[in-house]
């Protein structure tokens, strides 16, 4: 089954919640970080346009690229980036659900949404694996279960008007 991700309309709704929770949503949607990783992240973990994630699920340190917009928001911050403890994901989920109208919201949907959008926009699977910190690409491939509409659009883009999807080299 495809990952439990948010629709574009749901994304607009979660981005419209009050601050500072909306910032947490923006950070998650732009990095794909896990809840615990966001809660542990600190301003001192910024390195250029990357965020160094130290205590990860796999135990490996990883570097997450930051979009210029989220980087602008992070510049000048001091201390922890997210005003929540790791155990507070339940209260965060309830707050977002109540303020966005998405009844079954859970924070991990933001990670799923980041991953699906990455692939839908042509991002590579190996790069996504590294960003998400998956030990195995098999885990990352879960996000590659894309909807039929996207598959049809991609097939049309790749094959164009050529029913075979490629042109043999010409020999002049």
N, C-alpha and C. Protein backbone atom coordinates (compact mmCIF):
# COMPACT_ATOMS: atom_id res chain seq x y z
N UNK A 1 0.85 -1.20 0.00
CA UNK A 1 0.00 0.00 0.00
C UNK A 1 0.88 1.24 0.00
N UNK A 2 0.41 2.32 -0.64
CA UNK A 2 1.22 3.54 -0.68
C UNK A 2 1.36 4.16 0.71
N UNK A 3 2.41 4.97 0.91
CA UNK A 3 2.63 5.60 2.22
C UNK A 3 1.48 6.52 2.61
N UNK A 4 1.28 6.68 3.90
CA UNK A 4 0.24 7.56 4.46
C UNK A 4 0.75 8.99 4.39
N UNK A 5 0.47 9.65 3.28
CA UNK A 5 0.97 11.00 3.07
C UNK A 5 -0.19 11.98 2.99
N UNK A 6 0.14 13.26 3.08
CA UNK A 6 -0.87 14.31 3.00
C UNK A 6 -1.07 14.74 1.55
N UNK A 7 -2.31 15.06 1.20
CA UNK A 7 -2.60 15.62 -0.12
C UNK A 7 -2.10 17.07 -0.13
N UNK A 8 -2.03 17.66 -1.32
CA UNK A 8 -1.60 19.06 -1.42
C UNK A 8 -2.54 19.96 -0.62
N UNK A 9 -3.84 19.66 -0.64
CA UNK A 9 -4.82 20.44 0.12
C UNK A 9 -4.55 20.30 1.62
N UNK A 10 -4.26 19.08 2.08
CA UNK A 10 -3.94 18.86 3.50
C UNK A 10 -2.67 19.60 3.90
N UNK A 11 -1.69 19.63 3.00
CA UNK A 11 -0.45 20.36 3.28
C UNK A 11 -0.76 21.83 3.50
N UNK A 12 -1.59 22.41 2.63
CA UNK A 12 -1.98 23.83 2.81
C UNK A 12 -2.64 24.03 4.18
N UNK A 13 -3.48 23.08 4.57
CA UNK A 13 -4.20 23.19 5.85
C UNK A 13 -3.24 23.10 7.03
N UNK A 14 -2.27 22.20 6.99
CA UNK A 14 -1.35 22.09 8.14
C UNK A 14 -0.38 23.26 8.18
N UNK A 15 -0.10 23.86 7.02
CA UNK A 15 0.79 25.03 7.01
C UNK A 15 0.09 26.27 7.56
N UNK A 16 -1.24 26.25 7.61
CA UNK A 16 -2.00 27.40 8.10
C UNK A 16 -2.25 27.39 9.61
N UNK A 17 -1.72 26.41 10.34
CA UNK A 17 -1.93 26.38 11.79
C UNK A 17 -1.08 27.46 12.45
N UNK A 18 -1.36 27.81 13.70
CA UNK A 18 -0.58 28.87 14.37
C UNK A 18 0.88 28.49 14.61
N UNK A 19 1.68 29.52 14.84
CA UNK A 19 3.09 29.33 15.24
C UNK A 19 3.12 29.01 16.73
N UNK A 20 4.11 28.31 17.26
CA UNK A 20 5.29 27.79 16.58
C UNK A 20 5.06 26.42 15.94
N UNK A 21 3.87 25.87 16.07
CA UNK A 21 3.61 24.54 15.50
C UNK A 21 3.75 24.54 13.98
N UNK A 22 3.35 25.64 13.33
CA UNK A 22 3.49 25.71 11.87
C UNK A 22 4.96 25.61 11.46
N UNK A 23 5.85 26.18 12.28
CA UNK A 23 7.29 26.07 11.99
C UNK A 23 7.72 24.60 12.03
N UNK A 24 7.23 23.85 13.00
CA UNK A 24 7.58 22.43 13.11
C UNK A 24 7.11 21.69 11.85
N UNK A 25 5.92 22.03 11.38
CA UNK A 25 5.38 21.44 10.15
C UNK A 25 6.29 21.79 8.97
N UNK A 26 6.69 23.06 8.86
CA UNK A 26 7.55 23.48 7.74
C UNK A 26 8.90 22.76 7.79
N UNK A 27 9.46 22.63 8.99
CA UNK A 27 10.75 21.94 9.14
C UNK A 27 10.62 20.47 8.70
N UNK A 28 9.56 19.81 9.14
CA UNK A 28 9.35 18.40 8.79
C UNK A 28 9.11 18.23 7.29
N UNK A 29 8.29 19.09 6.72
CA UNK A 29 7.97 18.98 5.29
C UNK A 29 9.16 19.30 4.40
N UNK A 30 10.10 20.09 4.91
CA UNK A 30 11.24 20.48 4.07
C UNK A 30 12.48 19.62 4.31
N UNK A 31 12.46 18.76 5.33
CA UNK A 31 13.64 17.93 5.62
C UNK A 31 13.36 16.44 5.66
N UNK A 32 12.11 16.06 5.93
CA UNK A 32 11.79 14.64 6.08
C UNK A 32 12.31 14.04 7.37
N UNK A 33 12.70 14.89 8.32
CA UNK A 33 13.25 14.37 9.58
C UNK A 33 12.17 13.68 10.43
N UNK A 34 12.61 12.73 11.23
CA UNK A 34 11.73 12.07 12.19
C UNK A 34 11.45 13.03 13.35
N UNK A 35 10.36 12.77 14.07
CA UNK A 35 9.97 13.60 15.21
C UNK A 35 11.11 13.74 16.23
N UNK A 36 11.65 12.63 16.66
CA UNK A 36 12.72 12.67 17.67
C UNK A 36 13.94 13.44 17.20
N UNK A 37 14.28 13.29 15.93
CA UNK A 37 15.43 14.01 15.38
C UNK A 37 15.18 15.51 15.39
N UNK A 38 13.96 15.91 15.06
CA UNK A 38 13.64 17.35 15.09
C UNK A 38 13.70 17.88 16.52
N UNK A 39 13.17 17.10 17.46
CA UNK A 39 13.15 17.54 18.86
C UNK A 39 14.56 17.67 19.44
N UNK A 40 15.48 16.85 18.96
CA UNK A 40 16.87 16.90 19.46
C UNK A 40 17.74 17.91 18.71
N UNK A 41 17.28 18.36 17.53
CA UNK A 41 18.08 19.26 16.70
C UNK A 41 18.30 20.61 17.38
N UNK A 42 19.49 21.11 17.21
CA UNK A 42 19.88 22.36 17.84
C UNK A 42 20.49 23.30 16.81
N UNK A 43 20.47 24.59 17.09
CA UNK A 43 21.05 25.58 16.18
C UNK A 43 22.52 25.29 15.91
N UNK A 44 23.21 24.69 16.87
CA UNK A 44 24.63 24.38 16.66
C UNK A 44 24.85 23.23 15.67
N UNK A 45 23.76 22.55 15.29
CA UNK A 45 23.86 21.46 14.31
C UNK A 45 23.84 21.97 12.87
N UNK A 46 23.63 23.29 12.69
CA UNK A 46 23.65 23.87 11.35
C UNK A 46 25.09 23.94 10.85
N UNK A 47 25.29 23.50 9.59
CA UNK A 47 26.61 23.55 8.97
C UNK A 47 26.39 23.99 7.53
N UNK A 48 26.55 25.28 7.30
CA UNK A 48 26.26 25.82 5.97
C UNK A 48 24.79 25.65 5.67
N UNK A 49 24.48 24.99 4.54
CA UNK A 49 23.07 24.77 4.20
C UNK A 49 22.64 23.34 4.54
N UNK A 50 23.33 22.74 5.51
CA UNK A 50 23.01 21.38 5.95
C UNK A 50 22.71 21.38 7.45
N UNK A 51 21.89 20.42 7.85
CA UNK A 51 21.63 20.19 9.28
C UNK A 51 22.23 18.83 9.61
N UNK A 52 23.10 18.81 10.59
CA UNK A 52 23.74 17.56 11.01
C UNK A 52 22.80 16.88 12.01
N UNK A 53 22.41 15.66 11.71
CA UNK A 53 21.51 14.89 12.58
C UNK A 53 22.38 13.86 13.29
N UNK A 54 22.51 14.03 14.61
CA UNK A 54 23.45 13.20 15.38
C UNK A 54 22.84 11.90 15.86
N UNK A 55 21.82 11.98 16.67
CA UNK A 55 21.24 10.75 17.23
C UNK A 55 20.10 10.27 16.33
N UNK A 56 20.44 9.35 15.44
CA UNK A 56 19.48 8.86 14.46
C UNK A 56 19.05 7.44 14.82
N UNK A 57 17.99 6.99 14.18
CA UNK A 57 17.47 5.65 14.41
C UNK A 57 18.52 4.59 14.07
N UNK A 58 19.29 4.84 13.00
CA UNK A 58 20.30 3.87 12.56
C UNK A 58 21.60 3.99 13.36
N UNK A 59 21.71 5.08 14.15
CA UNK A 59 22.94 5.31 14.91
C UNK A 59 24.02 6.01 14.10
N UNK A 60 23.73 6.31 12.84
CA UNK A 60 24.71 6.98 11.99
C UNK A 60 24.38 8.47 11.91
N UNK A 61 25.43 9.29 11.95
CA UNK A 61 25.25 10.73 11.77
C UNK A 61 24.92 10.96 10.29
N UNK A 62 23.97 11.86 10.03
CA UNK A 62 23.70 12.18 8.63
C UNK A 62 23.54 13.69 8.45
N UNK A 63 23.66 14.10 7.20
CA UNK A 63 23.57 15.51 6.83
C UNK A 63 22.32 15.69 5.98
N UNK A 64 21.44 16.58 6.42
CA UNK A 64 20.18 16.83 5.71
C UNK A 64 20.27 18.20 5.04
N UNK A 65 20.09 18.25 3.71
CA UNK A 65 20.13 19.55 3.02
C UNK A 65 18.93 20.40 3.40
N UNK A 66 19.17 21.70 3.51
CA UNK A 66 18.10 22.63 3.90
C UNK A 66 17.74 23.55 2.74
N UNK A 67 16.44 23.64 2.47
CA UNK A 67 15.94 24.57 1.46
C UNK A 67 16.26 25.99 1.95
N UNK A 68 16.61 26.90 1.03
CA UNK A 68 16.94 28.28 1.45
C UNK A 68 15.88 28.92 2.35
N UNK A 69 14.59 28.63 2.12
CA UNK A 69 13.54 29.25 2.94
C UNK A 69 13.60 28.79 4.38
N UNK A 70 13.76 27.47 4.61
CA UNK A 70 13.82 26.97 5.99
C UNK A 70 15.14 27.39 6.63
N UNK A 71 16.19 27.46 5.82
CA UNK A 71 17.50 27.91 6.33
C UNK A 71 17.40 29.34 6.85
N UNK A 72 16.67 30.20 6.11
CA UNK A 72 16.46 31.59 6.56
C UNK A 72 15.77 31.62 7.92
N UNK A 73 14.79 30.72 8.10
CA UNK A 73 14.08 30.67 9.39
C UNK A 73 14.98 30.19 10.52
N UNK A 74 15.93 29.34 10.20
CA UNK A 74 16.80 28.75 11.23
C UNK A 74 17.95 29.68 11.63
N UNK A 75 18.37 30.54 10.70
CA UNK A 75 19.47 31.47 10.98
C UNK A 75 19.11 32.35 12.18
N UNK A 76 20.05 32.52 13.06
CA UNK A 76 19.83 33.38 14.22
C UNK A 76 19.14 32.69 15.38
N UNK A 77 18.71 31.46 15.19
CA UNK A 77 18.10 30.72 16.31
C UNK A 77 19.19 30.24 17.25
N UNK A 78 18.80 30.09 18.51
CA UNK A 78 19.73 29.62 19.53
C UNK A 78 19.07 28.42 20.22
N UNK A 79 19.87 27.43 20.57
CA UNK A 79 19.34 26.29 21.30
C UNK A 79 18.54 25.34 20.42
N UNK A 80 17.63 24.61 21.06
CA UNK A 80 16.84 23.61 20.33
C UNK A 80 15.95 24.27 19.29
N UNK A 81 15.80 23.59 18.15
CA UNK A 81 15.04 24.18 17.04
C UNK A 81 13.54 24.01 17.21
N UNK A 82 13.13 22.94 17.90
CA UNK A 82 11.72 22.61 18.05
C UNK A 82 11.33 22.69 19.53
N UNK A 83 10.27 23.42 19.86
CA UNK A 83 9.91 23.62 21.28
C UNK A 83 9.09 22.46 21.87
N UNK A 84 9.47 21.23 21.55
CA UNK A 84 8.76 20.05 22.04
C UNK A 84 9.75 19.02 22.54
N UNK A 85 9.29 18.19 23.48
CA UNK A 85 10.10 17.04 23.89
C UNK A 85 9.71 15.88 22.99
N UNK A 86 10.55 14.88 22.95
CA UNK A 86 10.29 13.71 22.10
C UNK A 86 8.98 13.02 22.48
N UNK A 87 8.61 13.10 23.74
CA UNK A 87 7.38 12.42 24.21
C UNK A 87 6.11 13.20 23.90
N UNK A 88 6.26 14.41 23.38
CA UNK A 88 5.09 15.28 23.16
C UNK A 88 4.46 15.14 21.78
N UNK A 89 4.83 14.09 21.03
CA UNK A 89 4.27 14.01 19.68
C UNK A 89 2.75 13.83 19.71
N UNK A 90 2.21 13.20 20.74
CA UNK A 90 0.76 13.05 20.86
C UNK A 90 0.06 14.39 20.97
N UNK A 91 0.58 15.27 21.81
CA UNK A 91 -0.06 16.59 21.96
C UNK A 91 0.13 17.43 20.70
N UNK A 92 1.27 17.27 20.03
CA UNK A 92 1.49 17.97 18.76
C UNK A 92 0.48 17.48 17.71
N UNK A 93 0.33 16.16 17.61
CA UNK A 93 -0.63 15.58 16.66
C UNK A 93 -2.04 16.11 16.90
N UNK A 94 -2.45 16.15 18.18
CA UNK A 94 -3.80 16.63 18.52
C UNK A 94 -3.96 18.10 18.15
N UNK A 95 -2.92 18.91 18.43
CA UNK A 95 -2.97 20.33 18.12
C UNK A 95 -3.16 20.53 16.61
N UNK A 96 -2.33 19.82 15.81
CA UNK A 96 -2.41 19.97 14.36
C UNK A 96 -3.77 19.49 13.84
N UNK A 97 -4.23 18.35 14.34
CA UNK A 97 -5.54 17.82 13.91
C UNK A 97 -6.65 18.82 14.19
N UNK A 98 -6.64 19.39 15.40
CA UNK A 98 -7.67 20.33 15.82
C UNK A 98 -7.61 21.61 14.98
N UNK A 99 -6.40 22.09 14.69
CA UNK A 99 -6.25 23.38 14.01
C UNK A 99 -6.26 23.29 12.49
N UNK A 100 -6.11 22.09 11.94
CA UNK A 100 -6.10 21.93 10.48
C UNK A 100 -7.37 21.26 9.98
N UNK A 101 -8.09 20.61 10.89
CA UNK A 101 -9.28 19.87 10.48
C UNK A 101 -8.96 18.49 9.90
N UNK A 102 -7.70 18.08 9.96
CA UNK A 102 -7.32 16.75 9.47
C UNK A 102 -7.39 15.81 10.67
N UNK A 103 -8.48 15.08 10.76
CA UNK A 103 -8.77 14.29 11.97
C UNK A 103 -7.73 13.23 12.30
N UNK A 104 -7.21 12.55 11.29
CA UNK A 104 -6.28 11.45 11.55
C UNK A 104 -4.83 11.87 11.33
N UNK A 105 -4.52 13.13 11.61
CA UNK A 105 -3.14 13.61 11.42
C UNK A 105 -2.19 12.93 12.39
N UNK A 106 -1.02 12.57 11.89
CA UNK A 106 0.11 12.20 12.76
C UNK A 106 1.38 12.73 12.11
N UNK A 107 2.34 13.11 12.94
CA UNK A 107 3.52 13.83 12.49
C UNK A 107 4.33 13.05 11.45
N UNK A 108 4.30 11.73 11.49
CA UNK A 108 5.08 10.94 10.53
C UNK A 108 4.57 11.11 9.10
N UNK A 109 3.30 11.57 8.95
CA UNK A 109 2.77 11.85 7.61
C UNK A 109 3.60 12.94 6.91
N UNK A 110 4.19 13.84 7.70
CA UNK A 110 5.00 14.90 7.11
C UNK A 110 6.26 14.31 6.47
N UNK A 111 6.86 13.32 7.12
CA UNK A 111 8.03 12.62 6.57
C UNK A 111 7.63 11.88 5.29
N UNK A 112 6.50 11.18 5.34
CA UNK A 112 6.02 10.46 4.16
C UNK A 112 5.76 11.43 3.00
N UNK A 113 5.17 12.57 3.32
CA UNK A 113 4.84 13.57 2.30
C UNK A 113 6.12 14.12 1.67
N UNK A 114 7.12 14.43 2.51
CA UNK A 114 8.42 14.90 2.00
C UNK A 114 8.98 13.87 1.01
N UNK A 115 9.00 12.61 1.41
CA UNK A 115 9.61 11.56 0.59
C UNK A 115 8.87 11.37 -0.73
N UNK A 116 7.55 11.33 -0.67
CA UNK A 116 6.76 11.16 -1.90
C UNK A 116 6.96 12.33 -2.84
N UNK A 117 6.95 13.55 -2.30
CA UNK A 117 7.12 14.73 -3.14
C UNK A 117 8.52 14.74 -3.77
N UNK A 118 9.53 14.31 -3.01
CA UNK A 118 10.91 14.24 -3.51
C UNK A 118 10.94 13.39 -4.79
N UNK A 119 10.35 12.22 -4.70
CA UNK A 119 10.37 11.30 -5.85
C UNK A 119 9.48 11.81 -6.99
N UNK A 120 8.34 12.39 -6.65
CA UNK A 120 7.43 12.92 -7.67
C UNK A 120 8.07 14.05 -8.47
N UNK A 121 8.99 14.75 -7.84
CA UNK A 121 9.66 15.88 -8.52
C UNK A 121 10.94 15.44 -9.21
N UNK A 122 11.17 14.13 -9.25
CA UNK A 122 12.32 13.62 -9.99
C UNK A 122 13.57 13.41 -9.15
N UNK A 123 13.47 13.54 -7.84
CA UNK A 123 14.61 13.29 -6.98
C UNK A 123 15.00 11.82 -7.02
N UNK A 124 16.28 11.55 -6.82
CA UNK A 124 16.75 10.16 -6.93
C UNK A 124 16.47 9.38 -5.64
N UNK A 125 16.28 8.08 -5.83
CA UNK A 125 16.04 7.18 -4.71
C UNK A 125 17.27 7.09 -3.79
N UNK A 126 18.51 6.95 -4.34
CA UNK A 126 19.68 6.90 -3.45
C UNK A 126 19.87 8.17 -2.61
N UNK A 127 19.60 9.35 -3.21
CA UNK A 127 19.72 10.60 -2.45
C UNK A 127 18.66 10.65 -1.35
N UNK A 128 17.44 10.22 -1.66
CA UNK A 128 16.37 10.20 -0.66
C UNK A 128 16.72 9.24 0.47
N UNK A 129 17.28 8.09 0.13
CA UNK A 129 17.70 7.11 1.15
C UNK A 129 18.68 7.78 2.13
N UNK A 130 19.63 8.53 1.59
CA UNK A 130 20.62 9.19 2.43
C UNK A 130 19.98 10.27 3.29
N UNK A 131 19.10 11.08 2.71
CA UNK A 131 18.44 12.16 3.46
C UNK A 131 17.60 11.58 4.60
N UNK A 132 16.84 10.53 4.31
CA UNK A 132 15.96 9.94 5.31
C UNK A 132 16.71 9.07 6.32
N UNK A 133 17.93 8.67 5.96
CA UNK A 133 18.73 7.86 6.88
C UNK A 133 18.32 6.40 6.92
N UNK A 134 17.81 5.89 5.81
CA UNK A 134 17.44 4.48 5.76
C UNK A 134 18.68 3.63 5.55
N UNK A 135 18.83 2.57 6.33
CA UNK A 135 19.96 1.66 6.18
C UNK A 135 19.86 0.91 4.85
N UNK A 136 18.64 0.60 4.43
CA UNK A 136 18.43 -0.15 3.20
C UNK A 136 17.58 0.63 2.22
N UNK A 137 17.95 0.57 0.94
CA UNK A 137 17.17 1.24 -0.10
C UNK A 137 15.78 0.61 -0.22
N UNK A 138 15.65 -0.63 0.24
CA UNK A 138 14.35 -1.31 0.20
C UNK A 138 13.31 -0.52 1.01
N UNK A 139 13.73 0.02 2.16
CA UNK A 139 12.85 0.85 2.98
C UNK A 139 12.43 2.09 2.20
N UNK A 140 13.40 2.73 1.54
CA UNK A 140 13.13 3.95 0.78
C UNK A 140 12.21 3.66 -0.40
N UNK A 141 12.34 2.49 -0.99
CA UNK A 141 11.52 2.14 -2.16
C UNK A 141 10.03 2.12 -1.83
N UNK A 142 9.69 1.99 -0.55
CA UNK A 142 8.29 2.05 -0.12
C UNK A 142 7.63 3.34 -0.64
N UNK A 143 8.41 4.43 -0.67
CA UNK A 143 7.88 5.72 -1.12
C UNK A 143 7.73 5.77 -2.63
N UNK A 144 8.32 4.83 -3.34
CA UNK A 144 8.27 4.85 -4.80
C UNK A 144 6.96 4.26 -5.32
N UNK A 145 6.09 3.81 -4.42
CA UNK A 145 4.77 3.31 -4.83
C UNK A 145 3.90 4.52 -5.14
N UNK A 146 4.03 5.01 -6.33
CA UNK A 146 3.37 6.24 -6.72
C UNK A 146 2.01 5.95 -7.35
N UNK A 147 1.17 6.93 -7.35
CA UNK A 147 -0.16 6.79 -7.92
C UNK A 147 -0.13 6.62 -9.43
N UNK A 148 -1.18 6.04 -9.98
CA UNK A 148 -1.28 5.80 -11.42
C UNK A 148 -1.15 7.09 -12.24
N UNK A 149 -1.74 8.18 -11.75
CA UNK A 149 -1.68 9.45 -12.49
C UNK A 149 -0.23 9.88 -12.70
N UNK A 150 0.57 9.80 -11.65
CA UNK A 150 1.97 10.20 -11.75
C UNK A 150 2.72 9.27 -12.70
N UNK A 151 2.45 7.99 -12.62
CA UNK A 151 3.11 7.02 -13.49
C UNK A 151 2.77 7.32 -14.95
N UNK A 152 1.49 7.61 -15.23
CA UNK A 152 1.08 7.94 -16.60
C UNK A 152 1.76 9.22 -17.10
N UNK A 153 1.79 10.25 -16.24
CA UNK A 153 2.45 11.51 -16.62
C UNK A 153 3.93 11.28 -16.92
N UNK A 154 4.58 10.51 -16.06
CA UNK A 154 6.01 10.24 -16.23
C UNK A 154 6.26 9.44 -17.51
N UNK A 155 5.41 8.46 -17.78
CA UNK A 155 5.56 7.66 -19.00
C UNK A 155 5.40 8.56 -20.23
N UNK A 156 4.43 9.46 -20.21
CA UNK A 156 4.22 10.38 -21.33
C UNK A 156 5.43 11.30 -21.50
N UNK A 157 6.00 11.75 -20.39
CA UNK A 157 7.17 12.63 -20.45
C UNK A 157 8.38 11.90 -21.03
N UNK A 158 8.60 10.68 -20.59
CA UNK A 158 9.78 9.91 -21.01
C UNK A 158 9.66 9.47 -22.46
N UNK A 159 8.50 8.94 -22.83
CA UNK A 159 8.36 8.38 -24.18
C UNK A 159 7.95 9.42 -25.21
N UNK A 160 7.34 10.52 -24.77
CA UNK A 160 6.89 11.54 -25.71
C UNK A 160 5.95 10.94 -26.72
N UNK A 161 6.16 11.24 -27.98
CA UNK A 161 5.27 10.68 -29.01
C UNK A 161 5.80 9.36 -29.54
N UNK A 162 6.98 8.95 -29.07
CA UNK A 162 7.58 7.71 -29.54
C UNK A 162 7.02 6.52 -28.76
N UNK A 163 6.29 5.61 -29.41
CA UNK A 163 5.68 4.50 -28.68
C UNK A 163 6.71 3.55 -28.06
N UNK A 164 7.96 3.62 -28.55
CA UNK A 164 8.99 2.70 -28.01
C UNK A 164 9.86 3.38 -26.95
N UNK A 165 9.67 4.68 -26.74
CA UNK A 165 10.35 5.39 -25.67
C UNK A 165 11.78 5.80 -25.94
N UNK A 166 12.26 5.52 -27.14
CA UNK A 166 13.64 5.90 -27.44
C UNK A 166 13.81 5.97 -28.95
N UNK A 167 14.89 6.58 -29.35
CA UNK A 167 15.22 6.66 -30.78
C UNK A 167 16.59 6.00 -30.96
N UNK A 168 16.71 5.09 -31.92
CA UNK A 168 18.05 4.54 -32.17
C UNK A 168 18.97 5.61 -32.74
N UNK A 169 20.26 5.49 -32.50
CA UNK A 169 21.17 6.50 -33.05
C UNK A 169 21.12 6.47 -34.59
N UNK A 170 21.24 7.64 -35.17
CA UNK A 170 21.21 7.69 -36.63
C UNK A 170 22.59 7.37 -37.16
N UNK A 171 22.64 6.69 -38.28
CA UNK A 171 23.94 6.37 -38.89
C UNK A 171 23.99 7.08 -40.24
N UNK A 172 24.68 8.21 -40.27
CA UNK A 172 24.78 8.98 -41.53
C UNK A 172 26.11 8.69 -42.17
